[in-house]
Protein backbone atom coordinates (compact mmCIF):
# COMPACT_ATOMS: atom_id res chain seq x y z
CA UNK A 1 106.32 -62.57 -12.43
CA UNK A 2 105.03 -59.06 -11.70
CA UNK A 3 105.87 -57.35 -8.51
CA UNK A 4 102.77 -56.37 -6.55
CA UNK A 5 102.97 -53.09 -4.66
CA UNK A 6 100.02 -53.83 -2.47
CA UNK A 7 101.55 -56.44 -0.16
CA UNK A 8 99.41 -56.52 3.02
CA UNK A 9 98.50 -58.66 5.99
CA UNK A 10 96.11 -61.51 5.55
CA UNK A 11 95.78 -65.22 5.94
CA UNK A 12 98.74 -67.30 5.07
CA UNK A 13 98.22 -69.87 2.23
CA UNK A 14 101.50 -71.50 2.38
CA UNK A 15 104.92 -70.76 3.92
CA UNK A 16 105.63 -67.82 1.60
CA UNK A 17 102.13 -66.66 0.35
CA UNK A 18 99.71 -64.32 2.24
CA UNK A 19 96.06 -63.95 1.14
CA UNK A 20 94.69 -60.49 1.69
CA UNK A 21 92.55 -57.78 0.09
CA UNK A 22 93.54 -56.58 -3.36
CA UNK A 23 92.74 -53.31 -5.05
CA UNK A 24 92.14 -54.95 -8.29
CA UNK A 25 91.44 -51.70 -10.10
CA UNK A 26 94.91 -50.37 -9.10
CA UNK A 27 96.56 -53.65 -9.77
CA UNK A 28 94.68 -54.92 -12.80
CA UNK A 29 97.77 -55.32 -14.95
CA UNK A 30 99.63 -57.39 -12.45
CA UNK A 31 96.62 -59.59 -11.91
CA UNK A 32 96.08 -60.08 -15.80
CA UNK A 33 99.77 -60.97 -16.20
CA UNK A 34 99.13 -63.80 -13.72
CA UNK A 35 95.96 -64.83 -15.52
CA UNK A 36 97.67 -64.58 -18.90
CA UNK A 37 100.28 -67.19 -17.80
CA UNK A 38 97.88 -69.41 -15.89
CA UNK A 39 95.19 -69.37 -18.64
CA UNK A 40 97.20 -68.91 -21.71
CA UNK A 41 95.88 -65.62 -22.84
CA UNK A 42 97.36 -63.54 -25.60
CA UNK A 43 97.88 -59.69 -25.52
CA UNK A 44 94.58 -59.06 -27.43
CA UNK A 45 92.63 -61.13 -24.99
CA UNK A 46 94.26 -59.60 -21.97
CA UNK A 47 93.44 -56.09 -23.32
CA UNK A 48 89.65 -57.12 -23.59
CA UNK A 49 89.70 -58.60 -20.19
CA UNK A 50 91.33 -55.60 -18.63
CA UNK A 51 88.22 -53.63 -19.64
CA UNK A 52 85.91 -56.24 -18.22
CA UNK A 53 87.71 -56.49 -14.93
CA UNK A 54 87.67 -52.70 -14.51
CA UNK A 55 83.95 -52.61 -15.31
CA UNK A 56 83.22 -55.47 -12.86
CA UNK A 57 85.03 -53.72 -10.04
CA UNK A 58 82.48 -50.95 -10.22
CA UNK A 59 79.52 -53.31 -9.42
CA UNK A 60 78.02 -53.40 -5.99
CA UNK A 61 79.68 -55.78 -3.71
CA UNK A 62 82.52 -56.63 -6.12
CA UNK A 63 85.64 -57.50 -4.20
CA UNK A 64 89.09 -59.10 -4.83
CA UNK A 65 91.77 -60.92 -2.92
CA UNK A 66 95.44 -61.37 -3.92
CA UNK A 67 97.94 -64.07 -2.94
CA UNK A 68 101.23 -62.19 -2.36
CA UNK A 69 104.69 -63.68 -1.85
CA UNK A 70 107.04 -62.52 0.87
CA UNK A 71 108.76 -60.31 -1.65
CA UNK A 72 105.64 -58.55 -2.81
CA UNK A 73 104.93 -60.53 -6.03
CA UNK A 74 101.32 -61.40 -7.06
CA UNK A 75 101.05 -65.19 -7.14
CA UNK A 76 97.28 -65.37 -7.63
CA UNK A 77 93.96 -63.53 -7.35
CA UNK A 78 90.33 -64.12 -7.07
CA UNK A 79 87.46 -61.68 -7.43
CA UNK A 80 83.74 -62.03 -7.41
CA UNK A 81 80.46 -60.25 -6.59
CA UNK A 82 76.72 -60.97 -5.79
CA UNK A 83 75.08 -62.37 -8.78
CA UNK A 84 72.69 -60.08 -10.70
CA UNK A 85 70.49 -61.65 -13.33
CA UNK A 86 71.12 -58.65 -15.54
CA UNK A 87 74.80 -59.18 -15.67
CA UNK A 88 76.14 -60.58 -18.96
CA UNK A 89 77.35 -63.89 -17.50
CA UNK A 90 74.16 -64.68 -15.71
CA UNK A 91 72.06 -63.91 -18.94
CA UNK A 92 74.19 -66.38 -20.90
CA UNK A 93 74.16 -69.21 -18.28
CA UNK A 94 70.50 -68.82 -17.27
CA UNK A 95 69.02 -70.97 -20.08
CA UNK A 96 71.47 -73.80 -19.35
CA UNK A 97 70.79 -73.73 -15.61
CA UNK A 98 66.96 -73.36 -16.02
CA UNK A 99 67.08 -76.35 -18.47
CA UNK A 100 68.66 -78.49 -15.69
CA UNK A 101 66.14 -77.21 -13.03
CA UNK A 102 68.71 -75.11 -11.20
CA UNK A 103 67.46 -71.72 -12.22
CA UNK A 104 67.13 -70.72 -8.51
CA UNK A 105 70.87 -70.82 -8.08
CA UNK A 106 71.07 -67.55 -9.87
CA UNK A 107 69.55 -65.70 -7.03
CA UNK A 108 71.17 -64.95 -3.81
CA UNK A 109 74.55 -66.42 -4.97
CA UNK A 110 78.11 -64.91 -4.87
CA UNK A 111 79.75 -65.39 -8.31
CA UNK A 112 83.51 -66.28 -8.42
CA UNK A 113 84.20 -64.32 -11.49
CA UNK A 114 87.97 -65.21 -11.94
CA UNK A 115 90.40 -67.35 -9.98
CA UNK A 116 93.96 -67.76 -11.12
CA UNK A 117 97.21 -68.90 -9.69
CA UNK A 118 100.56 -68.46 -11.38
CA UNK A 119 101.86 -72.00 -12.37
CA UNK A 120 104.89 -71.60 -10.24
CA UNK A 121 102.57 -71.39 -7.12
CA UNK A 122 100.00 -74.07 -8.05
CA UNK A 123 99.41 -77.14 -6.04
CA UNK A 124 100.29 -75.31 -2.81
CA UNK A 125 96.76 -74.54 -1.59
CA UNK A 126 96.83 -71.09 -2.87
CA UNK A 127 93.70 -71.32 -5.04
CA UNK A 128 91.88 -73.15 -2.27
CA UNK A 129 92.76 -70.36 0.21
CA UNK A 130 91.79 -67.66 -2.28
CA UNK A 131 88.19 -69.17 -2.90
CA UNK A 132 87.35 -70.03 0.62
CA UNK A 133 88.50 -66.73 1.96
CA UNK A 134 86.49 -64.58 -0.39
CA UNK A 135 83.41 -66.90 0.02
CA UNK A 136 83.71 -66.98 3.76
CA UNK A 137 82.93 -63.23 3.90
CA UNK A 138 79.95 -63.56 1.28
CA UNK A 139 76.55 -62.50 2.70
CA UNK A 140 74.93 -64.95 0.20
CA UNK A 141 74.16 -68.56 1.22
CA UNK A 142 75.77 -70.15 -1.94
CA UNK A 143 78.50 -69.60 -4.62
CA UNK A 144 78.33 -70.06 -8.34
CA UNK A 145 81.16 -70.13 -10.94
CA UNK A 146 82.00 -71.47 -14.38
CA UNK A 147 84.89 -73.48 -15.47
CA UNK A 148 86.12 -75.18 -18.75
CA UNK A 149 84.02 -78.32 -19.04
CA UNK A 150 86.77 -80.89 -18.72
CA UNK A 151 88.60 -82.89 -16.06
CA UNK A 152 91.17 -80.50 -14.72
CA UNK A 153 92.94 -79.59 -11.49
CA UNK A 154 90.54 -76.51 -11.22
CA UNK A 155 87.35 -78.63 -11.53
CA UNK A 156 88.96 -81.14 -8.99
CA UNK A 157 89.48 -78.26 -6.55
CA UNK A 158 85.81 -77.04 -7.07
CA UNK A 159 84.37 -80.52 -6.48
CA UNK A 160 86.51 -80.95 -3.39
CA UNK A 161 85.13 -77.63 -1.94
CA UNK A 162 81.46 -78.93 -2.48
CA UNK A 163 80.70 -77.48 -5.91
CA UNK A 164 78.43 -79.45 -8.12
CA UNK A 165 77.57 -79.30 -11.80
CA UNK A 166 74.47 -77.12 -12.33
CA UNK A 167 74.91 -77.17 -16.19
CA UNK A 168 77.41 -78.72 -18.63
CA UNK A 169 78.41 -77.84 -22.25
CA UNK A 170 77.67 -74.09 -21.69
CA UNK A 171 78.78 -72.13 -24.61
CA UNK A 172 79.87 -68.51 -24.11
CA UNK A 173 80.02 -66.25 -27.10
CA UNK A 174 83.58 -66.27 -28.63
CA UNK A 175 84.76 -69.05 -26.22
CA UNK A 176 85.83 -72.08 -28.33
CA UNK A 177 85.47 -74.57 -25.47
CA UNK A 178 82.34 -75.44 -23.50
CA UNK A 179 82.07 -74.54 -19.79
CA UNK A 180 80.36 -76.00 -16.79
CA UNK A 181 78.43 -74.00 -14.37
CA UNK A 182 78.94 -75.10 -10.82
CA UNK A 183 77.40 -74.17 -7.54
CA UNK A 184 77.97 -74.84 -3.81
CA UNK A 185 76.33 -73.90 -0.50
CA UNK A 186 78.44 -71.73 1.75
CA UNK A 187 80.57 -72.16 3.70
CA UNK A 188 82.66 -74.15 1.39
CA UNK A 189 83.69 -77.67 2.42
CA UNK A 190 87.04 -78.00 4.15
CA UNK A 191 89.08 -81.08 3.64
């Protein structure tokens, strides 16, 4: 697992994990190493996503949090930004959510762009802490995200936080599997 030089103070997710601000631009490689393991990405896909992450972090309101171990390793991360209908993701999902009568969710929403936890730290509340902490500071009244459209621990987490399906079987260009677009009013539900 990559070492993370930006160990800081923040909210404790579990006995050895602290959630806090992450300079994702400076630590993009550490974050993508976590994403590669958690999401099963190859080197070519990581290289593409690196450019996307760096571009996203220049958008107004974009911010990131990291989950850092006591020895300074990055165990997970989340980043997001206020949705803008001109952003690529929003233009792709718009026809799907409109067809389901949920077009208004694209306005005044905070998008969870990526959320990944290293497998060695999953099922400890790290993902839950990351997403609730980043959305707790959102100015927007709701949050939206996309997840692979199948029963999974990630979808289970999102449902438990109050997310509902806004559209299913959403196909992103070059993605082999369909996604679900989900939305929740903020603050997220606590269990």
